[in-house]
Structures are given as structure tokens and as C-alpha cells.
N, C-alpha and C. Protein backbone atom coordinates (compact mmCIF):
# COMPACT_ATOMS: atom_id res chain seq x y z
N MET A 1 -29.14 70.78 1.88
CA MET A 1 -29.46 70.63 2.62
C MET A 1 -30.08 68.80 2.47
N LYS A 2 -30.75 69.42 1.04
CA LYS A 2 -31.13 68.42 0.76
C LYS A 2 -30.20 67.13 -0.24
N PRO A 3 -29.13 67.26 -0.51
CA PRO A 3 -28.39 66.67 -1.06
C PRO A 3 -27.41 65.82 0.33
N LEU A 4 -27.77 66.51 1.81
CA LEU A 4 -26.78 65.84 2.77
C LEU A 4 -28.22 64.91 3.06
N PHE A 5 -29.27 65.30 3.57
CA PHE A 5 -30.20 63.89 3.96
C PHE A 5 -30.67 63.37 2.69
N SER A 6 -30.52 63.29 1.60
CA SER A 6 -30.11 62.04 0.54
C SER A 6 -29.00 61.53 1.24
N PHE A 7 -27.96 61.80 0.94
CA PHE A 7 -26.86 61.36 1.67
C PHE A 7 -26.90 60.05 2.81
N LEU A 8 -27.16 60.57 3.67
CA LEU A 8 -27.39 60.10 5.15
C LEU A 8 -28.86 59.00 5.19
N PHE A 9 -29.62 59.53 4.60
CA PHE A 9 -30.76 58.36 3.93
C PHE A 9 -30.25 57.34 3.13
N ILE A 10 -29.19 57.42 2.05
CA ILE A 10 -28.71 56.13 1.59
C ILE A 10 -27.81 55.59 2.06
N LEU A 11 -27.13 56.10 2.94
CA LEU A 11 -26.17 55.50 4.21
C LEU A 11 -27.18 54.75 5.08
N ALA A 12 -28.23 55.44 5.32
CA ALA A 12 -28.76 54.26 6.52
C ALA A 12 -29.47 53.24 5.98
N ILE A 13 -29.84 53.56 4.93
CA ILE A 13 -30.47 52.27 4.18
C ILE A 13 -29.46 51.16 3.80
N SER A 14 -28.12 51.69 3.25
CA SER A 14 -27.43 50.23 2.87
C SER A 14 -26.58 49.81 4.04
N SER A 15 -26.31 50.75 4.77
CA SER A 15 -25.93 50.41 6.09
C SER A 15 -26.15 48.48 6.05
N PRO A 16 -26.86 48.25 6.47
CA PRO A 16 -27.28 46.79 7.22
C PRO A 16 -26.65 45.61 5.74
N ALA A 17 -26.99 46.22 4.47
CA ALA A 17 -26.41 45.61 3.58
C ALA A 17 -24.82 45.05 3.48
N LEU A 18 -24.27 46.05 3.49
CA LEU A 18 -22.59 46.39 3.67
C LEU A 18 -22.57 45.44 5.14
N LEU A 19 -22.75 45.66 6.44
CA LEU A 19 -22.97 45.05 7.00
C LEU A 19 -22.60 43.33 7.32
N SER A 20 -23.93 43.19 6.62
CA SER A 20 -24.43 41.92 6.17
C SER A 20 -23.39 40.80 5.87
N CYS A 21 -22.79 41.59 4.76
CA CYS A 21 -21.85 41.23 3.64
C CYS A 21 -20.69 40.94 4.55
N GLU A 22 -20.21 41.64 5.34
CA GLU A 22 -18.88 41.22 5.88
C GLU A 22 -19.21 40.30 6.93
N GLU A 23 -20.36 40.19 7.75
CA GLU A 23 -20.91 39.20 8.21
C GLU A 23 -20.88 37.93 7.80
N GLU A 24 -21.43 38.00 6.65
CA GLU A 24 -21.36 36.67 5.77
C GLU A 24 -19.83 36.06 5.36
N LYS A 25 -19.09 37.15 5.01
CA LYS A 25 -17.67 36.44 4.66
C LYS A 25 -17.08 35.43 6.20
N LYS A 26 -17.62 36.44 7.27
CA LYS A 26 -16.82 35.96 8.84
C LYS A 26 -17.58 34.52 9.31
N ASN A 27 -18.52 34.34 8.36
CA ASN A 27 -19.42 33.30 9.23
C ASN A 27 -19.07 31.59 8.58
N GLN A 28 -18.27 32.26 6.36
CA GLN A 28 -18.03 30.81 5.81
C GLN A 28 -17.13 30.34 6.28
N ASP A 29 -17.43 29.13 6.30
CA ASP A 29 -16.71 28.30 6.98
C ASP A 29 -15.17 27.44 6.09
N PHE A 30 -14.53 27.48 6.92
CA PHE A 30 -12.86 26.55 6.43
C PHE A 30 -13.21 25.73 5.12
N ILE A 31 -12.81 24.73 4.11
CA ILE A 31 -13.08 23.44 3.77
C ILE A 31 -11.57 23.43 3.75
N GLU A 32 -11.16 22.22 3.90
CA GLU A 32 -9.56 21.48 3.92
C GLU A 32 -9.95 20.92 3.18
N TYR A 33 -8.64 20.78 1.99
CA TYR A 33 -8.63 19.80 0.72
C TYR A 33 -8.09 18.65 0.97
N MET A 34 -8.64 17.65 0.78
CA MET A 34 -8.02 16.85 1.27
C MET A 34 -7.78 15.80 -0.14
N GLY A 35 -7.22 16.08 -1.19
CA GLY A 35 -7.25 15.95 -2.18
C GLY A 35 -4.84 15.63 -2.42
N PRO A 36 -5.03 14.91 -3.23
CA PRO A 36 -3.49 14.59 -3.39
C PRO A 36 -2.59 16.49 -3.34
N ILE A 37 -1.42 15.63 -2.89
CA ILE A 37 -0.87 17.29 -3.15
C ILE A 37 0.38 17.27 -4.62
N PHE A 38 0.47 16.06 -4.60
CA PHE A 38 1.70 15.86 -5.70
C PHE A 38 0.51 14.60 -6.41
N ASN A 39 0.83 14.71 -8.39
CA ASN A 39 0.64 13.96 -9.09
C ASN A 39 1.60 13.40 -9.38
N ILE A 40 2.23 12.12 -9.31
CA ILE A 40 3.65 11.66 -10.54
C ILE A 40 2.95 10.45 -11.00
N ASP A 41 3.24 10.61 -12.65
CA ASP A 41 3.61 9.81 -13.64
C ASP A 41 4.55 8.95 -13.80
N ASN A 42 4.62 7.38 -14.31
CA ASN A 42 5.77 6.51 -14.46
C ASN A 42 6.65 7.06 -13.39
N LEU A 43 6.22 6.68 -11.90
CA LEU A 43 7.66 6.30 -11.45
C LEU A 43 7.92 5.27 -11.17
N ALA A 44 9.67 5.06 -10.90
CA ALA A 44 10.31 4.12 -10.67
C ALA A 44 10.96 4.06 -9.50
N VAL A 45 11.62 3.69 -8.68
CA VAL A 45 11.91 3.60 -7.60
C VAL A 45 12.73 2.91 -6.63
N ASN A 46 14.12 3.20 -6.65
CA ASN A 46 15.23 2.12 -6.23
C ASN A 46 15.49 2.41 -4.80
N TYR A 47 15.56 0.83 -4.19
CA TYR A 47 15.67 1.10 -2.39
C TYR A 47 17.20 0.23 -2.55
N SER A 48 17.91 1.49 -1.60
CA SER A 48 19.44 0.61 -1.76
C SER A 48 19.68 0.06 -0.29
N ASP A 49 20.59 -0.63 -0.45
CA ASP A 49 21.11 -1.12 1.46
C ASP A 49 22.67 -1.29 1.02
N SER A 50 23.77 -0.23 1.98
CA SER A 50 24.82 -0.45 1.29
C SER A 50 25.38 -0.14 0.29
N GLY A 51 24.88 0.65 -0.62
CA GLY A 51 25.10 0.97 -2.07
C GLY A 51 24.64 0.17 -3.23
N ARG A 52 23.96 -0.95 -2.76
CA ARG A 52 23.42 -1.75 -3.51
C ARG A 52 22.03 -1.78 -3.64
N VAL A 53 21.75 -1.69 -4.80
CA VAL A 53 20.19 -1.77 -5.18
C VAL A 53 19.29 -2.90 -4.31
N LYS A 54 18.26 -2.99 -3.79
CA LYS A 54 18.13 -4.43 -3.23
C LYS A 54 16.85 -4.58 -4.00
N VAL A 55 15.66 -3.30 -4.12
CA VAL A 55 14.40 -3.48 -4.43
C VAL A 55 13.94 -2.31 -5.53
N LYS A 56 13.24 -2.57 -6.52
CA LYS A 56 13.48 -1.70 -7.33
C LYS A 56 11.23 -1.68 -7.43
N MET A 57 10.87 -0.26 -7.63
CA MET A 57 9.39 -0.51 -7.34
C MET A 57 8.55 0.23 -8.50
N SER A 58 7.77 -0.17 -9.38
CA SER A 58 7.23 0.90 -10.35
C SER A 58 6.03 0.95 -10.53
N THR A 59 5.34 2.20 -11.35
CA THR A 59 3.78 2.29 -11.01
C THR A 59 3.72 3.43 -11.90
N ALA A 60 2.73 3.37 -12.84
CA ALA A 60 1.94 4.01 -13.88
C ALA A 60 1.73 5.83 -13.09
N LYS A 61 1.21 5.52 -11.61
CA LYS A 61 0.76 6.75 -11.14
C LYS A 61 1.04 6.61 -9.60
N GLN A 62 1.67 7.84 -9.00
CA GLN A 62 1.72 8.01 -7.45
C GLN A 62 0.73 9.57 -7.08
N LEU A 63 -0.20 9.35 -6.25
CA LEU A 63 -0.89 10.69 -5.65
C LEU A 63 -0.27 10.36 -4.04
N ILE A 64 0.24 11.84 -3.40
CA ILE A 64 1.04 11.89 -2.19
C ILE A 64 0.24 12.68 -1.72
N PHE A 65 -0.53 12.57 -0.17
CA PHE A 65 -1.61 13.56 0.21
C PHE A 65 -0.92 14.61 1.14
N GLN A 66 -1.41 15.03 2.04
CA GLN A 66 -1.02 15.82 2.80
C GLN A 66 -0.14 15.06 3.95
N ASN A 67 -0.80 14.15 4.13
CA ASN A 67 -0.12 13.41 5.15
C ASN A 67 1.03 12.73 5.41
N GLN A 68 1.70 12.75 3.70
CA GLN A 68 2.43 11.72 2.67
C GLN A 68 2.21 10.57 2.70
N ASP A 69 1.29 10.05 3.08
CA ASP A 69 0.50 8.97 2.46
C ASP A 69 0.98 8.75 0.81
N GLU A 70 1.18 7.72 0.14
CA GLU A 70 0.96 7.42 -1.22
C GLU A 70 0.03 6.42 -1.42
N ILE A 71 -0.60 6.84 -2.69
CA ILE A 71 -1.77 5.71 -3.37
C ILE A 71 -1.11 5.89 -4.95
N TYR A 72 -1.07 4.33 -5.07
CA TYR A 72 -1.04 3.88 -6.37
C TYR A 72 -2.00 3.66 -7.40
N PRO A 73 -3.12 4.33 -7.79
CA PRO A 73 -4.21 3.64 -8.17
C PRO A 73 -3.89 3.31 -9.34
N LYS A 74 -3.23 2.62 -10.05
CA LYS A 74 -2.73 1.74 -11.24
C LYS A 74 -1.91 0.54 -10.55
N ALA A 75 -1.46 -0.16 -11.72
CA ALA A 75 -0.65 -1.39 -11.33
C ALA A 75 0.53 -0.80 -10.80
N VAL A 76 0.90 -2.10 -9.60
CA VAL A 76 2.30 -1.42 -8.77
C VAL A 76 2.93 -2.71 -8.96
N TYR A 77 4.25 -2.74 -9.39
CA TYR A 77 5.47 -3.75 -9.60
C TYR A 77 6.46 -3.54 -8.61
N VAL A 78 7.21 -4.49 -7.97
CA VAL A 78 8.02 -4.67 -7.28
C VAL A 78 8.92 -5.93 -7.26
N ASN A 79 10.32 -5.69 -7.69
CA ASN A 79 11.16 -6.55 -8.34
C ASN A 79 12.03 -6.46 -6.76
N PHE A 80 12.61 -7.91 -6.08
CA PHE A 80 13.47 -7.79 -5.45
C PHE A 80 14.82 -7.99 -5.88
N LEU A 81 16.19 -7.89 -5.77
CA LEU A 81 17.22 -8.16 -6.18
C LEU A 81 18.51 -8.56 -5.38
N ASP A 82 18.96 -9.81 -5.89
CA ASP A 82 20.56 -10.05 -4.99
C ASP A 82 21.43 -9.03 -4.80
N LYS A 83 22.63 -9.80 -4.34
CA LYS A 83 23.18 -8.76 -3.74
C LYS A 83 24.32 -8.64 -5.20
N ASN A 84 23.75 -9.61 -6.21
CA ASN A 84 24.78 -8.97 -7.73
C ASN A 84 23.52 -8.66 -8.36
N GLY A 85 22.81 -7.38 -7.81
CA GLY A 85 21.51 -6.89 -8.76
C GLY A 85 21.03 -7.90 -9.98
N VAL A 86 20.64 -9.23 -9.82
CA VAL A 86 19.83 -9.89 -10.45
C VAL A 86 18.63 -10.46 -9.74
N GLU A 87 17.77 -10.11 -10.29
CA GLU A 87 16.07 -10.11 -10.19
C GLU A 87 16.01 -11.52 -9.62
N TYR A 88 15.54 -11.79 -8.13
CA TYR A 88 14.97 -12.99 -7.84
C TYR A 88 13.43 -13.58 -7.49
N SER A 89 12.96 -12.50 -7.14
CA SER A 89 11.57 -11.76 -6.95
C SER A 89 10.48 -10.91 -7.31
N SER A 90 9.96 -11.23 -7.99
CA SER A 90 8.61 -9.85 -7.83
C SER A 90 7.14 -10.28 -7.65
N LEU A 91 6.70 -9.32 -7.12
CA LEU A 91 5.72 -8.60 -6.57
C LEU A 91 4.51 -7.60 -7.61
N ARG A 92 3.44 -7.99 -7.53
CA ARG A 92 2.46 -7.03 -8.40
C ARG A 92 1.20 -7.00 -7.77
N GLY A 93 0.63 -5.71 -8.36
CA GLY A 93 -0.95 -6.07 -7.23
C GLY A 93 -1.77 -5.05 -8.47
N ASP A 94 -2.86 -4.87 -8.64
CA ASP A 94 -3.59 -4.06 -9.16
C ASP A 94 -3.66 -2.46 -8.73
N SER A 95 -3.15 -2.28 -7.73
CA SER A 95 -3.18 -0.92 -6.97
C SER A 95 -2.29 -1.26 -5.50
N GLY A 96 -2.53 -0.29 -5.08
CA GLY A 96 -1.69 -0.08 -3.89
C GLY A 96 -1.40 1.05 -2.94
N LYS A 97 -1.01 1.01 -1.68
CA LYS A 97 -0.83 2.22 -1.00
C LYS A 97 0.23 2.25 -0.31
N LYS A 98 1.07 3.29 0.23
CA LYS A 98 1.83 3.27 1.08
C LYS A 98 1.44 4.37 2.69
N PHE A 99 2.01 3.71 3.70
CA PHE A 99 1.38 4.25 5.17
C PHE A 99 2.66 5.39 5.61
N LYS A 100 3.01 6.62 5.65
CA LYS A 100 3.84 6.79 5.54
C LYS A 100 4.25 6.91 7.45
N GLU A 101 3.52 6.92 7.79
CA GLU A 101 3.70 6.88 9.39
C GLU A 101 4.54 5.13 9.80
N THR A 102 4.16 4.13 8.69
CA THR A 102 4.26 3.06 9.35
C THR A 102 5.68 1.94 8.72
N ASN A 103 5.40 3.31 7.37
CA ASN A 103 6.58 2.63 6.19
C ASN A 103 5.92 1.20 5.56
N LEU A 104 4.74 1.28 5.51
CA LEU A 104 3.75 -0.41 5.04
C LEU A 104 3.16 0.25 3.91
N TYR A 105 3.58 -1.10 3.11
CA TYR A 105 3.25 -0.83 1.78
C TYR A 105 1.71 -1.76 1.64
N VAL A 106 0.70 -2.12 1.18
CA VAL A 106 -0.80 -3.03 0.97
C VAL A 106 -0.74 -3.03 -0.74
N LEU A 107 -0.98 -3.82 -1.18
CA LEU A 107 -1.15 -3.82 -2.69
C LEU A 107 -2.52 -4.92 -2.40
N LYS A 108 -3.28 -4.51 -4.09
CA LYS A 108 -4.40 -5.09 -3.70
C LYS A 108 -4.72 -5.71 -4.78
N GLY A 109 -6.02 -6.00 -5.05
CA GLY A 109 -6.31 -6.97 -6.17
C GLY A 109 -5.65 -7.74 -7.18
N ASN A 110 -5.56 -9.09 -7.58
CA ASN A 110 -4.83 -9.63 -8.37
C ASN A 110 -3.84 -9.88 -8.25
N VAL A 111 -3.05 -10.22 -6.74
CA VAL A 111 -2.22 -9.63 -6.17
C VAL A 111 -1.08 -11.01 -6.50
N PHE A 112 0.14 -10.58 -7.13
CA PHE A 112 0.57 -12.13 -7.32
C PHE A 112 2.12 -11.94 -7.04
N PHE A 113 3.13 -12.92 -6.55
CA PHE A 113 4.04 -13.43 -6.00
C PHE A 113 5.02 -13.84 -6.30
N ASN A 114 6.12 -14.15 -7.01
CA ASN A 114 7.17 -14.90 -7.89
C ASN A 114 8.47 -14.90 -7.66
N ASN A 115 8.58 -15.98 -6.43
CA ASN A 115 10.45 -16.09 -6.56
C ASN A 115 11.16 -17.04 -7.64
N ARG A 116 11.84 -16.37 -8.50
CA ARG A 116 12.08 -17.39 -9.50
C ARG A 116 12.65 -18.30 -9.08
N LEU A 117 13.95 -18.28 -8.69
CA LEU A 117 15.09 -18.91 -7.66
C LEU A 117 14.44 -20.64 -7.47
N LEU A 118 13.30 -19.95 -6.13
CA LEU A 118 12.27 -21.19 -5.34
C LEU A 118 11.05 -22.01 -6.12
N GLN A 119 11.35 -21.51 -7.35
CA GLN A 119 10.01 -21.83 -8.66
C GLN A 119 9.05 -21.45 -7.63
N GLN A 120 8.57 -20.46 -6.60
CA GLN A 120 7.12 -20.25 -6.18
C GLN A 120 6.57 -19.34 -6.18
N THR A 121 5.32 -19.38 -6.29
CA THR A 121 4.32 -18.01 -6.61
C THR A 121 3.33 -18.05 -5.65
N LEU A 122 2.51 -17.22 -5.23
CA LEU A 122 1.29 -17.01 -4.58
C LEU A 122 0.58 -16.02 -5.25
N SER A 123 -0.59 -16.08 -4.48
CA SER A 123 -1.51 -15.22 -5.43
C SER A 123 -2.73 -15.30 -4.29
N THR A 124 -3.24 -14.01 -4.01
CA THR A 124 -4.08 -13.15 -3.19
C THR A 124 -4.76 -12.18 -3.72
N GLU A 125 -5.66 -11.50 -2.64
CA GLU A 125 -6.47 -10.36 -3.22
C GLU A 125 -5.68 -9.39 -2.18
N GLU A 126 -4.82 -9.49 -1.45
CA GLU A 126 -4.29 -8.48 -0.40
C GLU A 126 -3.22 -8.71 -0.24
N LEU A 127 -1.89 -8.27 0.29
CA LEU A 127 -0.73 -8.26 0.54
C LEU A 127 0.14 -7.00 1.05
N TYR A 128 0.31 -7.71 1.96
CA TYR A 128 1.05 -5.95 3.17
C TYR A 128 2.52 -6.71 2.50
N TRP A 129 3.58 -5.31 2.61
CA TRP A 129 4.90 -5.49 2.39
C TRP A 129 5.98 -4.46 3.64
N ASN A 130 6.52 -5.34 4.29
CA ASN A 130 7.09 -3.99 5.46
C ASN A 130 8.52 -3.99 4.69
N PRO A 131 9.10 -3.46 4.08
CA PRO A 131 10.80 -3.40 3.83
C PRO A 131 11.71 -2.86 4.85
N LEU A 132 11.08 -2.56 6.07
CA LEU A 132 11.91 -2.22 7.33
C LEU A 132 12.41 -3.70 7.75
N THR A 133 10.89 -4.76 7.63
CA THR A 133 11.34 -6.13 8.37
C THR A 133 11.95 -6.97 7.45
N LYS A 134 11.63 -6.68 6.32
CA LYS A 134 11.62 -7.46 4.83
C LYS A 134 10.59 -8.83 4.96
N LYS A 135 9.15 -8.02 5.39
CA LYS A 135 8.35 -8.97 5.86
C LYS A 135 7.10 -8.86 4.72
N VAL A 136 6.28 -10.15 4.39
CA VAL A 136 5.26 -9.99 3.62
C VAL A 136 4.02 -10.57 4.15
N TYR A 137 3.07 -10.27 4.17
CA TYR A 137 1.96 -11.07 4.82
C TYR A 137 1.00 -10.39 4.46
N SER A 138 -0.42 -11.36 4.68
CA SER A 138 -2.08 -11.41 4.28
C SER A 138 -2.64 -12.22 5.26
N ASP A 139 -3.56 -11.26 5.41
CA ASP A 139 -4.94 -11.91 6.43
C ASP A 139 -6.54 -12.63 5.03
N LYS A 140 -5.82 -12.14 4.38
CA LYS A 140 -6.59 -12.78 2.98
C LYS A 140 -6.23 -14.12 2.79
N LYS A 141 -7.38 -15.30 1.84
CA LYS A 141 -7.06 -16.54 1.08
C LYS A 141 -5.69 -16.64 -0.02
N VAL A 142 -4.43 -16.98 0.72
CA VAL A 142 -3.57 -17.23 -0.09
C VAL A 142 -3.87 -18.41 -1.16
N THR A 143 -3.08 -18.38 -2.05
CA THR A 143 -2.67 -19.67 -3.00
C THR A 143 -0.95 -19.55 -3.45
N ILE A 144 -0.37 -20.58 -2.75
CA ILE A 144 0.88 -21.22 -2.93
C ILE A 144 1.33 -22.35 -4.05
N LEU A 145 1.73 -22.03 -4.95
CA LEU A 145 2.48 -23.27 -6.10
C LEU A 145 3.37 -23.22 -6.57
N THR A 146 4.03 -24.50 -6.31
CA THR A 146 5.65 -24.67 -6.23
C THR A 146 5.28 -26.23 -7.12
N PRO A 147 6.14 -26.69 -7.84
CA PRO A 147 6.49 -27.63 -8.35
C PRO A 147 5.96 -28.70 -8.17
N ARG A 148 5.85 -28.99 -6.49
CA ARG A 148 5.62 -30.03 -5.63
C ARG A 148 4.60 -29.77 -4.92
N GLU A 149 3.85 -29.19 -5.00
CA GLU A 149 3.00 -28.79 -4.31
C GLU A 149 1.36 -27.31 -4.30
N SER A 150 0.55 -27.47 -4.07
CA SER A 150 -0.13 -26.71 -4.13
C SER A 150 -1.38 -26.49 -2.96
N ILE A 151 -0.83 -25.12 -2.24
CA ILE A 151 -1.19 -25.27 -0.91
C ILE A 151 -2.25 -23.83 -0.64
N THR A 152 -3.04 -23.89 -0.31
CA THR A 152 -4.36 -22.51 -0.10
C THR A 152 -4.47 -22.42 1.34
N ALA A 153 -4.34 -21.00 1.90
CA ALA A 153 -4.34 -20.97 3.43
C ALA A 153 -5.20 -20.15 3.46
N LEU A 154 -6.55 -20.49 4.38
CA LEU A 154 -7.65 -19.59 3.82
C LEU A 154 -7.33 -18.35 5.25
N GLY A 155 -6.46 -18.83 5.80
CA GLY A 155 -6.45 -17.69 7.03
C GLY A 155 -5.35 -16.71 6.81
N GLY A 156 -4.85 -16.53 5.56
CA GLY A 156 -3.73 -16.06 5.37
C GLY A 156 -2.59 -16.30 5.35
N MET A 157 -1.40 -15.65 5.40
CA MET A 157 -0.15 -16.13 5.79
C MET A 157 1.15 -14.86 5.98
N ASP A 158 2.27 -15.36 6.39
CA ASP A 158 3.78 -14.74 7.07
C ASP A 158 4.84 -14.96 6.56
N ALA A 159 5.65 -14.30 5.41
CA ALA A 159 6.69 -14.43 4.68
C ALA A 159 7.80 -13.49 5.04
N THR A 160 8.74 -14.19 4.53
CA THR A 160 10.12 -13.21 4.03
C THR A 160 9.64 -12.47 2.51
N GLU A 161 10.07 -11.62 2.59
CA GLU A 161 10.07 -10.94 1.19
C GLU A 161 10.72 -11.75 0.24
N ASP A 162 11.69 -12.56 0.81
CA ASP A 162 12.31 -13.25 -0.20
C ASP A 162 11.28 -14.53 -0.49
N PHE A 163 10.57 -15.32 0.19
CA PHE A 163 9.64 -16.09 0.49
C PHE A 163 10.70 -17.54 0.75
N SER A 164 11.52 -17.20 1.26
CA SER A 164 12.25 -18.50 1.54
C SER A 164 11.60 -19.24 2.95
N LYS A 165 11.22 -18.28 3.62
CA LYS A 165 10.52 -19.39 4.72
C LYS A 165 9.16 -18.25 4.94
N TYR A 166 7.84 -19.21 4.83
CA TYR A 166 6.65 -18.55 5.40
C TYR A 166 5.76 -19.88 6.24
N SER A 167 5.11 -19.23 6.87
CA SER A 167 3.90 -19.60 7.66
C SER A 167 2.49 -19.30 7.19
N LEU A 168 1.19 -20.16 7.23
CA LEU A 168 0.42 -20.33 6.97
C LEU A 168 -0.81 -20.71 7.78
N ARG A 169 -1.61 -19.76 7.62
CA ARG A 169 -2.65 -19.76 8.81
C ARG A 169 -4.39 -20.68 8.28
N LYS A 170 -4.63 -21.74 8.44
CA LYS A 170 -5.69 -22.63 7.88
C LYS A 170 -5.25 -23.01 6.94
N PRO A 171 -4.20 -23.80 6.60
CA PRO A 171 -3.50 -24.30 5.44
C PRO A 171 -4.47 -25.71 4.97
N LYS A 172 -4.22 -25.79 3.59
CA LYS A 172 -5.28 -27.24 2.89
C LYS A 172 -4.14 -27.49 1.40
N GLY A 173 -4.58 -28.32 1.46
CA GLY A 173 -3.84 -28.80 -0.01
C GLY A 173 -2.77 -30.11 0.14
N ILE A 174 -2.24 -29.99 -1.00
CA ILE A 174 -1.26 -30.91 -1.53
C ILE A 174 -0.41 -30.93 -0.89
N PHE A 175 0.73 -31.55 0.07
CA PHE A 175 1.88 -31.01 1.18
C PHE A 175 2.51 -32.31 0.72
N MET A 176 4.13 -32.17 -0.11
CA MET A 176 4.95 -33.13 0.11
C MET A 176 5.72 -33.44 1.20
N VAL A 177 6.15 -34.55 1.88
CA VAL A 177 6.11 -35.08 3.21
C VAL A 177 7.53 -35.68 2.57
N ASP A 178 9.05 -35.12 3.56
CA ASP A 178 9.93 -36.30 3.27
C ASP A 178 10.13 -37.16 4.08
N SER A 179 10.01 -38.37 3.26
CA SER A 179 9.76 -39.92 3.93
C SER A 179 11.27 -40.22 5.19
N LEU A 180 12.18 -39.89 4.49
CA LEU A 180 13.14 -40.49 5.13
C LEU A 180 13.42 -39.31 6.78
N ARG A 181 12.78 -38.60 7.03
CA ARG A 181 12.33 -37.99 8.59
C ARG A 181 11.39 -38.25 9.21
N THR A 182 11.70 -38.93 10.63
CA THR A 182 10.97 -39.56 11.43
C THR A 182 10.95 -38.77 12.35
N ILE A 183 9.33 -38.78 13.09
CA ILE A 183 8.64 -38.28 14.38
C ILE A 183 9.48 -39.18 15.47
N VAL A 184 9.85 -39.25 16.12
CA VAL A 184 10.04 -39.75 17.28
C VAL A 184 8.72 -39.58 18.09
N ASP A 185 8.47 -40.72 18.74
CA ASP A 185 6.89 -40.60 19.82
C ASP A 185 7.54 -40.34 21.21
N THR A 186 7.58 -39.36 21.83
CA THR A 186 8.05 -38.78 23.08
C THR A 186 6.81 -39.09 23.97
N THR A 187 6.04 -39.57 23.75
CA THR A 187 4.47 -39.79 24.83
C THR A 187 4.51 -41.26 25.22
N GLY A 188 5.28 -42.18 25.39
CA GLY A 188 5.63 -43.21 25.88
C GLY A 188 4.40 -44.51 25.60
N GLN A 189 3.90 -43.73 24.77
CA GLN A 189 2.41 -44.79 24.77
C GLN A 189 2.86 -46.07 23.77
């Protein structure tokens, strides 16, 4: 009888401890992992259209997250190619990010855009690129240099990805004006 009593006594004393461990496991919160699910080194991606490479992008590191957004913590290089596969423009930033939902890229820190054909350069701290619409834009101050002009746009700019057309917000600088063009005054004054 004494061994049975000892067993029941031990069981009675240890039961709350066993139950409390079980409750503790049930009360633990689930912690969702928010870090990258992929870590890729030395990434090189070619974007093509109708079987021709149009854009080449490279970076030393790519991180892909659960929502499929991509972060490029190291310098990002984007090269635009013409129909013959010759590079005519390049884009570079200290870091970048791609938003999967909108397919929008943003480059940050010492962003430089260069169109070799038109001899134009742009510098800014942040530049967005949409490969679907083939547009680039920035809401930050941009500086554009051409062989004949030096322009600063304090409110940013919008441009085609080949930089052949652009509009500036709050521009200031030195502009070349074609003196052969005349503007007709239609106000009648």
C-alpha cells in the first residue's frame, strides 16, 4: 500500500507541473519570419522583347522576400540596348528595390543615368524605373548635363527610359534656345 500511496502522492505533486508545461507551449506566440527567403550573389538578368535582349541588369547581391519583393543592398547597374544589341544608355545606383506587385524598381543613393547617344547625364538621389511603361521618374532634385545645357530640376522629372524625352518640375539652369524659332503672339496686343 505504501508504494501505491507514494506513487499517487508523486503524481499529485507533479501533475500541476506537467500541465503548466503543456499550457506554456500552447500560449507561445507564433513569430513570423520577415527576412529574405532567397539570397543571391552576383545576379545578372536579361530582359528581352520579341527575342531580343533590351535591358541587362546586374548587382552583387539580391534578397527576395516572402511577398516576392526584391532588395538589392549593393550597387545596381542597368544597361539599355538598341535593336542591334548595342548599349546606348546606362543607369546606376548604390542600392535598389523591386516591388513585385507593381513591377516598379527604385534605385537610391548616387543614382546616375547616362545616354551615350544623346550625350546626356542625369544625377539624383532616387530614381524609379517602370520596365512595362518604359519610363523613369524622380520626385527628388535632379541635375541634367548635356554638351550645351546644365539643368537642375528641384521638383524632379519624368522621362522615357532612353532619355530621349523628359519633363522637369521646377527647373532652373542654363538652357539653349533655338533662335530660328519664333513664337507668334496670339493675344492681339
